[in-house]
Amino acid sequence: MEITVRVRVPEGADEKVIGELAEVFARAQVLRSLAVGGRRVKREKASWRELREYLEEYRDLRG
């Protein structure tokens, strides 16, 4: 999901400040995407750990 922010800039606004705000928004989007990816990896690791624990628990029942 991409977030678009529209801001009305008053006349005479400092171009440097506007550029800095644009950079902050861009970094926020990057951080958000990294956080989402991190959660996905964490869930996958948890799923593998659960599978491994299950297999270890029932390994002796195979005979």
PDB file of N, CA and C in Angstrom:
ATOM      1  N   MET A   1       0.846  -1.167   0.000  1.00  0.00           N
ATOM      2  CA  MET A   1       0.000   0.000   0.000  1.00  0.00           C
ATOM      3  C   MET A   1       0.895   1.234   0.000  1.00  0.00           C
ATOM      4  N   GLU A   2       0.594   2.136  -0.876  1.00  0.00           N
ATOM      5  CA  GLU A   2       1.364   3.366  -0.954  1.00  0.00           C
ATOM      6  C   GLU A   2       0.501   4.513  -0.452  1.00  0.00           C
ATOM      7  N   ILE A   3       1.102   5.372   0.320  1.00  0.00           N
ATOM      8  CA  ILE A   3       0.394   6.516   0.878  1.00  0.00           C
ATOM      9  C   ILE A   3       0.791   7.761   0.103  1.00  0.00           C
ATOM     10  N   THR A   4      -0.207   8.516  -0.322  1.00  0.00           N
ATOM     11  CA  THR A   4       0.047   9.769  -1.028  1.00  0.00           C
ATOM     12  C   THR A   4      -0.420  10.912  -0.140  1.00  0.00           C
ATOM     13  N   VAL A   5       0.443  11.871   0.056  1.00  0.00           N
ATOM     14  CA  VAL A   5       0.112  13.025   0.885  1.00  0.00           C
ATOM     15  C   VAL A   5       0.139  14.262   0.001  1.00  0.00           C
ATOM     16  N   ARG A   6      -0.933  15.007   0.039  1.00  0.00           N
ATOM     17  CA  ARG A   6      -0.999  16.260  -0.715  1.00  0.00           C
ATOM     18  C   ARG A   6      -1.030  17.402   0.278  1.00  0.00           C
ATOM     19  N   VAL A   7      -0.154  18.357   0.055  1.00  0.00           N
ATOM     20  CA  VAL A   7      -0.035  19.489   0.961  1.00  0.00           C
ATOM     21  C   VAL A   7      -0.078  20.773   0.153  1.00  0.00           C
ATOM     22  N   ARG A   8      -0.820  21.717   0.621  1.00  0.00           N
ATOM     23  CA  ARG A   8      -0.822  23.035  -0.021  1.00  0.00           C
ATOM     24  C   ARG A   8       0.323  23.841   0.564  1.00  0.00           C
ATOM     25  N   VAL A   9       1.175  24.289  -0.306  1.00  0.00           N
ATOM     26  CA  VAL A   9       2.341  25.045   0.124  1.00  0.00           C
ATOM     27  C   VAL A   9       2.068  26.520  -0.097  1.00  0.00           C
ATOM     28  N   PRO A  10       2.154  27.305   0.968  1.00  0.00           N
ATOM     29  CA  PRO A  10       1.907  28.737   0.804  1.00  0.00           C
ATOM     30  C   PRO A  10       2.981  29.386  -0.058  1.00  0.00           C
ATOM     31  N   GLU A  11       2.605  30.452  -0.729  1.00  0.00           N
ATOM     32  CA  GLU A  11       3.576  31.166  -1.554  1.00  0.00           C
ATOM     33  C   GLU A  11       4.714  31.674  -0.683  1.00  0.00           C
ATOM     34  N   GLY A  12       5.911  31.606  -1.233  1.00  0.00           N
ATOM     35  CA  GLY A  12       7.079  32.086  -0.505  1.00  0.00           C
ATOM     36  C   GLY A  12       7.626  31.079   0.488  1.00  0.00           C
ATOM     37  N   ALA A  13       7.062  29.882   0.494  1.00  0.00           N
ATOM     38  CA  ALA A  13       7.568  28.864   1.416  1.00  0.00           C
ATOM     39  C   ALA A  13       8.993  28.495   1.037  1.00  0.00           C
ATOM     40  N   ASP A  14       9.741  28.144   2.011  1.00  0.00           N
ATOM     41  CA  ASP A  14      11.152  27.808   1.816  1.00  0.00           C
ATOM     42  C   ASP A  14      11.268  26.471   1.078  1.00  0.00           C
ATOM     43  N   GLU A  15      11.893  26.475  -0.083  1.00  0.00           N
ATOM     44  CA  GLU A  15      12.053  25.261  -0.894  1.00  0.00           C
ATOM     45  C   GLU A  15      12.857  24.198  -0.146  1.00  0.00           C
ATOM     46  N   LYS A  16      13.794  24.619   0.679  1.00  0.00           N
ATOM     47  CA  LYS A  16      14.618  23.672   1.444  1.00  0.00           C
ATOM     48  C   LYS A  16      13.739  22.881   2.414  1.00  0.00           C
ATOM     49  N   VAL A  17      12.828  23.572   3.088  1.00  0.00           N
ATOM     50  CA  VAL A  17      11.929  22.906   4.039  1.00  0.00           C
ATOM     51  C   VAL A  17      11.025  21.925   3.303  1.00  0.00           C
ATOM     52  N   ILE A  18      10.524  22.332   2.159  1.00  0.00           N
ATOM     53  CA  ILE A  18       9.657  21.448   1.374  1.00  0.00           C
ATOM     54  C   ILE A  18      10.421  20.194   0.955  1.00  0.00           C
ATOM     55  N   GLY A  19      11.655  20.363   0.520  1.00  0.00           N
ATOM     56  CA  GLY A  19      12.484  19.214   0.149  1.00  0.00           C
ATOM     57  C   GLY A  19      12.745  18.292   1.323  1.00  0.00           C
ATOM     58  N   GLU A  20      12.992  18.871   2.489  1.00  0.00           N
ATOM     59  CA  GLU A  20      13.228  18.056   3.687  1.00  0.00           C
ATOM     60  C   GLU A  20      11.985  17.269   4.070  1.00  0.00           C
ATOM     61  N   LEU A  21      10.810  17.891   3.956  1.00  0.00           N
ATOM     62  CA  LEU A  21       9.566  17.179   4.254  1.00  0.00           C
ATOM     63  C   LEU A  21       9.345  16.026   3.285  1.00  0.00           C
ATOM     64  N   ALA A  22       9.622  16.254   2.025  1.00  0.00           N
ATOM     65  CA  ALA A  22       9.472  15.190   1.030  1.00  0.00           C
ATOM     66  C   ALA A  22      10.404  14.028   1.362  1.00  0.00           C
ATOM     67  N   GLU A  23      11.611  14.340   1.796  1.00  0.00           N
ATOM     68  CA  GLU A  23      12.565  13.292   2.163  1.00  0.00           C
ATOM     69  C   GLU A  23      12.091  12.517   3.388  1.00  0.00           C
ATOM     70  N   VAL A  24      11.530  13.215   4.352  1.00  0.00           N
ATOM     71  CA  VAL A  24      11.006  12.552   5.554  1.00  0.00           C
ATOM     72  C   VAL A  24       9.881  11.594   5.183  1.00  0.00           C
ATOM     73  N   PHE A  25       8.964  12.030   4.325  1.00  0.00           N
ATOM     74  CA  PHE A  25       7.879  11.149   3.898  1.00  0.00           C
ATOM     75  C   PHE A  25       8.414   9.928   3.157  1.00  0.00           C
ATOM     76  N   ALA A  26       9.401  10.116   2.320  1.00  0.00           N
ATOM     77  CA  ALA A  26       9.982   8.997   1.580  1.00  0.00           C
ATOM     78  C   ALA A  26      10.626   7.999   2.535  1.00  0.00           C
ATOM     79  N   ARG A  27      11.346   8.500   3.512  1.00  0.00           N
ATOM     80  CA  ARG A  27      11.977   7.599   4.501  1.00  0.00           C
ATOM     81  C   ARG A  27      10.926   6.857   5.312  1.00  0.00           C
ATOM     82  N   ALA A  28       9.836   7.535   5.647  1.00  0.00           N
ATOM     83  CA  ALA A  28       8.763   6.884   6.407  1.00  0.00           C
ATOM     84  C   ALA A  28       8.173   5.726   5.613  1.00  0.00           C
ATOM     85  N   GLN A  29       8.010   5.907   4.308  1.00  0.00           N
ATOM     86  CA  GLN A  29       7.485   4.818   3.478  1.00  0.00           C
ATOM     87  C   GLN A  29       8.454   3.645   3.444  1.00  0.00           C
ATOM     88  N   VAL A  30       9.748   3.918   3.368  1.00  0.00           N
ATOM     89  CA  VAL A  30      10.746   2.850   3.359  1.00  0.00           C
ATOM     90  C   VAL A  30      10.711   2.099   4.688  1.00  0.00           C
ATOM     91  N   LEU A  31      10.663   2.826   5.790  1.00  0.00           N
ATOM     92  CA  LEU A  31      10.616   2.185   7.104  1.00  0.00           C
ATOM     93  C   LEU A  31       9.363   1.331   7.262  1.00  0.00           C
ATOM     94  N   ARG A  32       8.250   1.833   6.747  1.00  0.00           N
ATOM     95  CA  ARG A  32       7.012   1.060   6.835  1.00  0.00           C
ATOM     96  C   ARG A  32       7.139  -0.254   6.065  1.00  0.00           C
ATOM     97  N   SER A  33       7.694  -0.190   4.865  1.00  0.00           N
ATOM     98  CA  SER A  33       7.829  -1.416   4.070  1.00  0.00           C
ATOM     99  C   SER A  33       8.796  -2.390   4.737  1.00  0.00           C
ATOM    100  N   LEU A  34       9.841  -1.884   5.377  1.00  0.00           N
ATOM    101  CA  LEU A  34      10.757  -2.771   6.095  1.00  0.00           C
ATOM    102  C   LEU A  34      10.074  -3.424   7.287  1.00  0.00           C
ATOM    103  N   ALA A  35       9.238  -2.671   7.975  1.00  0.00           N
ATOM    104  CA  ALA A  35       8.524  -3.221   9.128  1.00  0.00           C
ATOM    105  C   ALA A  35       7.571  -4.326   8.695  1.00  0.00           C
ATOM    106  N   VAL A  36       6.874  -4.126   7.607  1.00  0.00           N
ATOM    107  CA  VAL A  36       5.950  -5.142   7.099  1.00  0.00           C
ATOM    108  C   VAL A  36       6.729  -6.397   6.719  1.00  0.00           C
ATOM    109  N   GLY A  37       7.845  -6.233   6.033  1.00  0.00           N
ATOM    110  CA  GLY A  37       8.671  -7.381   5.654  1.00  0.00           C
ATOM    111  C   GLY A  37       9.221  -8.100   6.865  1.00  0.00           C
ATOM    112  N   GLY A  38       9.587  -7.359   7.892  1.00  0.00           N
ATOM    113  CA  GLY A  38      10.102  -7.966   9.119  1.00  0.00           C
ATOM    114  C   GLY A  38       9.061  -8.810   9.816  1.00  0.00           C
ATOM    115  N   ARG A  39       7.830  -8.330   9.823  1.00  0.00           N
ATOM    116  CA  ARG A  39       6.755  -9.119  10.441  1.00  0.00           C
ATOM    117  C   ARG A  39       6.538 -10.414   9.685  1.00  0.00           C
ATOM    118  N   ARG A  40       6.615 -10.363   8.347  1.00  0.00           N
ATOM    119  CA  ARG A  40       6.409 -11.561   7.535  1.00  0.00           C
ATOM    120  C   ARG A  40       7.505 -12.578   7.843  1.00  0.00           C
ATOM    121  N   VAL A  41       8.750 -12.143   7.928  1.00  0.00           N
ATOM    122  CA  VAL A  41       9.864 -13.042   8.233  1.00  0.00           C
ATOM    123  C   VAL A  41       9.694 -13.628   9.624  1.00  0.00           C
ATOM    124  N   LYS A  42       9.277 -12.804  10.568  1.00  0.00           N
ATOM    125  CA  LYS A  42       9.080 -13.280  11.939  1.00  0.00           C
ATOM    126  C   LYS A  42       8.010 -14.365  11.980  1.00  0.00           C
ATOM    127  N   ARG A  43       6.906 -14.159  11.242  1.00  0.00           N
ATOM    128  CA  ARG A  43       5.844 -15.173  11.203  1.00  0.00           C
ATOM    129  C   ARG A  43       6.352 -16.462  10.582  1.00  0.00           C
ATOM    130  N   GLU A  44       7.134 -16.354   9.504  1.00  0.00           N
ATOM    131  CA  GLU A  44       7.653 -17.551   8.850  1.00  0.00           C
ATOM    132  C   GLU A  44       8.582 -18.315   9.785  1.00  0.00           C
ATOM    133  N   LYS A  45       9.430 -17.596  10.511  1.00  0.00           N
ATOM    134  CA  LYS A  45      10.323 -18.256  11.463  1.00  0.00           C
ATOM    135  C   LYS A  45       9.527 -18.966  12.545  1.00  0.00           C
ATOM    136  N   ALA A  46       8.460 -18.320  13.018  1.00  0.00           N
ATOM    137  CA  ALA A  46       7.622 -18.937  14.045  1.00  0.00           C
ATOM    138  C   ALA A  46       6.966 -20.202  13.508  1.00  0.00           C
ATOM    139  N   SER A  47       6.504 -20.172  12.264  1.00  0.00           N
ATOM    140  CA  SER A  47       5.866 -21.347  11.671  1.00  0.00           C
ATOM    141  C   SER A  47       6.851 -22.501  11.548  1.00  0.00           C
ATOM    142  N   TRP A  48       8.073 -22.220  11.102  1.00  0.00           N
ATOM    143  CA  TRP A  48       9.079 -23.267  10.992  1.00  0.00           C
ATOM    144  C   TRP A  48       9.426 -23.827  12.368  1.00  0.00           C
ATOM    145  N   ARG A  49       9.514 -22.944  13.370  1.00  0.00           N
ATOM    146  CA  ARG A  49       9.832 -23.405  14.726  1.00  0.00           C
ATOM    147  C   ARG A  49       8.732 -24.326  15.233  1.00  0.00           C
ATOM    148  N   GLU A  50       7.469 -23.959  14.993  1.00  0.00           N
ATOM    149  CA  GLU A  50       6.353 -24.806  15.415  1.00  0.00           C
ATOM    150  C   GLU A  50       6.398 -26.164  14.725  1.00  0.00           C
ATOM    151  N   LEU A  51       6.683 -26.182  13.433  1.00  0.00           N
ATOM    152  CA  LEU A  51       6.779 -27.430  12.686  1.00  0.00           C
ATOM    153  C   LEU A  51       7.914 -28.295  13.228  1.00  0.00           C
ATOM    154  N   ARG A  52       9.050 -27.669  13.469  1.00  0.00           N
ATOM    155  CA  ARG A  52      10.201 -28.403  13.996  1.00  0.00           C
ATOM    156  C   ARG A  52       9.870 -29.013  15.360  1.00  0.00           C
ATOM    157  N   GLU A  53       9.214 -28.231  16.231  1.00  0.00           N
ATOM    158  CA  GLU A  53       8.843 -28.740  17.558  1.00  0.00           C
ATOM    159  C   GLU A  53       7.861 -29.897  17.437  1.00  0.00           C
ATOM    160  N   TYR A  54       6.910 -29.794  16.528  1.00  0.00           N
ATOM    161  CA  TYR A  54       5.932 -30.863  16.317  1.00  0.00           C
ATOM    162  C   TYR A  54       6.625 -32.139  15.871  1.00  0.00           C
ATOM    163  N   LEU A  55       7.529 -32.000  14.893  1.00  0.00           N
ATOM    164  CA  LEU A  55       8.230 -33.178  14.379  1.00  0.00           C
ATOM    165  C   LEU A  55       9.105 -33.813  15.460  1.00  0.00           C
ATOM    166  N   GLU A  56       9.757 -32.999  16.258  1.00  0.00           N
ATOM    167  CA  GLU A  56      10.580 -33.548  17.331  1.00  0.00           C
ATOM    168  C   GLU A  56       9.727 -34.261  18.365  1.00  0.00           C
ATOM    169  N   GLU A  57       8.545 -33.718  18.643  1.00  0.00           N
ATOM    170  CA  GLU A  57       7.665 -34.312  19.665  1.00  0.00           C
ATOM    171  C   GLU A  57       7.132 -35.670  19.211  1.00  0.00           C
ATOM    172  N   TYR A  58       6.800 -35.799  17.926  1.00  0.00           N
ATOM    173  CA  TYR A  58       6.185 -37.035  17.444  1.00  0.00           C
ATOM    174  C   TYR A  58       7.143 -37.933  16.671  1.00  0.00           C
ATOM    175  N   ARG A  59       8.400 -37.601  16.694  1.00  0.00           N
ATOM    176  CA  ARG A  59       9.393 -38.386  15.961  1.00  0.00           C
ATOM    177  C   ARG A  59       9.468 -39.824  16.484  1.00  0.00           C
ATOM    178  N   ASP A  60       9.355 -40.015  17.792  1.00  0.00           N
ATOM    179  CA  ASP A  60       9.488 -41.334  18.380  1.00  0.00           C
ATOM    180  C   ASP A  60       8.286 -42.227  18.134  1.00  0.00           C
ATOM    181  N   LEU A  61       7.179 -41.698  17.703  1.00  0.00           N
ATOM    182  CA  LEU A  61       5.970 -42.479  17.484  1.00  0.00           C
ATOM    183  C   LEU A  61       5.975 -43.247  16.162  1.00  0.00           C
ATOM    184  N   ARG A  62       6.940 -42.973  15.303  1.00  0.00           N
ATOM    185  CA  ARG A  62       6.982 -43.639  13.998  1.00  0.00           C
ATOM    186  C   ARG A  62       7.300 -45.129  14.139  1.00  0.00           C
ATOM    187  N   GLY A  63       7.909 -45.486  15.193  1.00  0.00           N
ATOM    188  CA  GLY A  63       8.194 -46.901  15.404  1.00  0.00           C
ATOM    189  C   GLY A  63       9.534 -47.225  15.020  1.00  0.00           C
TER     190      GLY A  63
END
